[in-house]
Protein backbone atom coordinates (compact mmCIF):
# COMPACT_ATOMS: atom_id res chain seq x y z
CA UNK A 1 7.82 -11.81 -25.37
CA UNK A 2 4.79 -14.09 -25.40
CA UNK A 3 1.99 -14.58 -22.97
CA UNK A 4 1.63 -16.06 -19.54
CA UNK A 5 0.35 -19.65 -19.13
CA UNK A 6 -3.15 -18.28 -18.54
CA UNK A 7 -3.00 -16.35 -21.85
CA UNK A 8 -2.66 -12.93 -20.25
CA UNK A 9 -0.03 -10.40 -21.26
CA UNK A 10 2.69 -10.36 -18.56
CA UNK A 11 3.60 -6.75 -19.43
CA UNK A 12 0.05 -5.61 -18.67
CA UNK A 13 0.16 -6.48 -14.97
CA UNK A 14 3.24 -5.09 -13.21
CA UNK A 15 4.54 -6.90 -10.16
CA UNK A 16 4.78 -4.94 -6.93
CA UNK A 17 7.30 -6.03 -4.31
CA UNK A 18 8.16 -4.42 -1.00
CA UNK A 19 11.60 -4.97 0.55
CA UNK A 20 11.39 -4.05 4.24
CA UNK A 21 14.78 -3.83 5.94
CA UNK A 22 14.67 -4.25 9.70
CA UNK A 23 17.39 -5.28 12.14
CA UNK A 24 19.72 -6.19 9.27
CA UNK A 25 17.22 -8.56 7.65
CA UNK A 26 15.79 -7.92 4.18
CA UNK A 27 12.43 -9.60 3.65
CA UNK A 28 11.01 -9.49 0.09
CA UNK A 29 7.22 -9.41 0.17
CA UNK A 30 4.81 -9.33 -2.77
CA UNK A 31 2.46 -6.35 -2.73
CA UNK A 32 2.47 -2.96 -1.09
CA UNK A 33 4.18 -2.05 2.15
CA UNK A 34 2.67 -3.65 5.25
CA UNK A 35 0.53 -1.57 7.55
CA UNK A 36 0.29 1.14 4.89
CA UNK A 37 3.82 2.37 5.54
CA UNK A 38 5.24 4.74 2.96
CA UNK A 39 8.47 3.49 1.34
CA UNK A 40 11.60 5.64 1.48
CA UNK A 41 12.25 4.99 -2.21
CA UNK A 42 10.31 3.35 -5.06
CA UNK A 43 11.88 1.96 -8.22
CA UNK A 44 10.03 1.09 -11.41
CA UNK A 45 11.84 -1.18 -13.85
CA UNK A 46 11.45 -4.26 -16.01
CA UNK A 47 12.41 -7.73 -14.87
CA UNK A 48 15.15 -7.79 -17.52
CA UNK A 49 16.68 -4.63 -16.07
CA UNK A 50 16.50 -6.03 -12.54
CA UNK A 51 18.22 -9.22 -13.71
CA UNK A 52 20.97 -7.15 -15.37
CA UNK A 53 21.54 -5.16 -12.17
CA UNK A 54 21.55 -8.27 -9.98
CA UNK A 55 24.02 -10.03 -12.29
CA UNK A 56 26.38 -7.06 -12.13
CA UNK A 57 26.04 -6.27 -15.86
CA UNK A 58 24.84 -2.76 -14.95
CA UNK A 59 23.98 -0.63 -11.92
CA UNK A 60 20.91 1.20 -10.70
CA UNK A 61 22.58 4.62 -11.19
CA UNK A 62 23.48 3.72 -14.79
CA UNK A 63 19.95 2.52 -15.51
CA UNK A 64 18.40 5.58 -13.85
CA UNK A 65 20.60 7.79 -16.05
CA UNK A 66 19.56 5.76 -19.11
CA UNK A 67 15.89 6.19 -18.23
CA UNK A 68 15.14 2.48 -17.89
CA UNK A 69 14.60 2.83 -14.12
CA UNK A 70 12.46 5.53 -12.54
CA UNK A 71 13.06 6.49 -8.95
CA UNK A 72 10.51 8.13 -6.65
CA UNK A 73 11.46 9.20 -3.17
CA UNK A 74 14.82 9.65 -1.49
CA UNK A 75 17.76 8.69 -3.75
CA UNK A 76 19.92 8.59 -0.63
CA UNK A 77 17.87 5.63 0.63
CA UNK A 78 18.90 3.61 -2.45
CA UNK A 79 22.55 4.56 -1.95
CA UNK A 80 22.37 3.58 1.73
CA UNK A 81 20.69 0.29 0.81
CA UNK A 82 23.44 -0.52 -1.72
CA UNK A 83 26.14 0.04 0.91
CA UNK A 84 24.47 -2.54 3.18
CA UNK A 85 24.70 -5.35 0.64
CA UNK A 86 27.57 -7.82 0.80
CA UNK A 87 29.35 -8.88 -2.36
CA UNK A 88 28.85 -12.64 -2.76
CA UNK A 89 31.92 -14.84 -2.68
CA UNK A 90 31.44 -17.15 -5.67
CA UNK A 91 34.40 -19.23 -4.52
CA UNK A 92 33.08 -20.14 -1.07
CA UNK A 93 33.73 -23.72 0.10
CA UNK A 94 30.55 -25.75 -0.10
CA UNK A 95 32.07 -28.48 2.04
CA UNK A 96 34.91 -27.90 4.45
CA UNK A 97 37.03 -30.60 6.07
């Protein structure tokens, strides 16, 4: 794996991100939830697992079953969140006439 540019071990300091969803807008924010709000669901996973899920190589349910993702809170919140996401159209026209 290696070390960060400052010589520290990247595995030693986990990143914490909060993804508030409000009025149809998802806003990733580093750190804990604003105003001390309690999240509906918390996931713990490695960056490699997140990349695999985002690329479509796997899913959160598969990774939870495999034990590579831990879930705290309401599993229904994760299911609801997944239904709100649009599938990207990789063939969209960048320039239209």
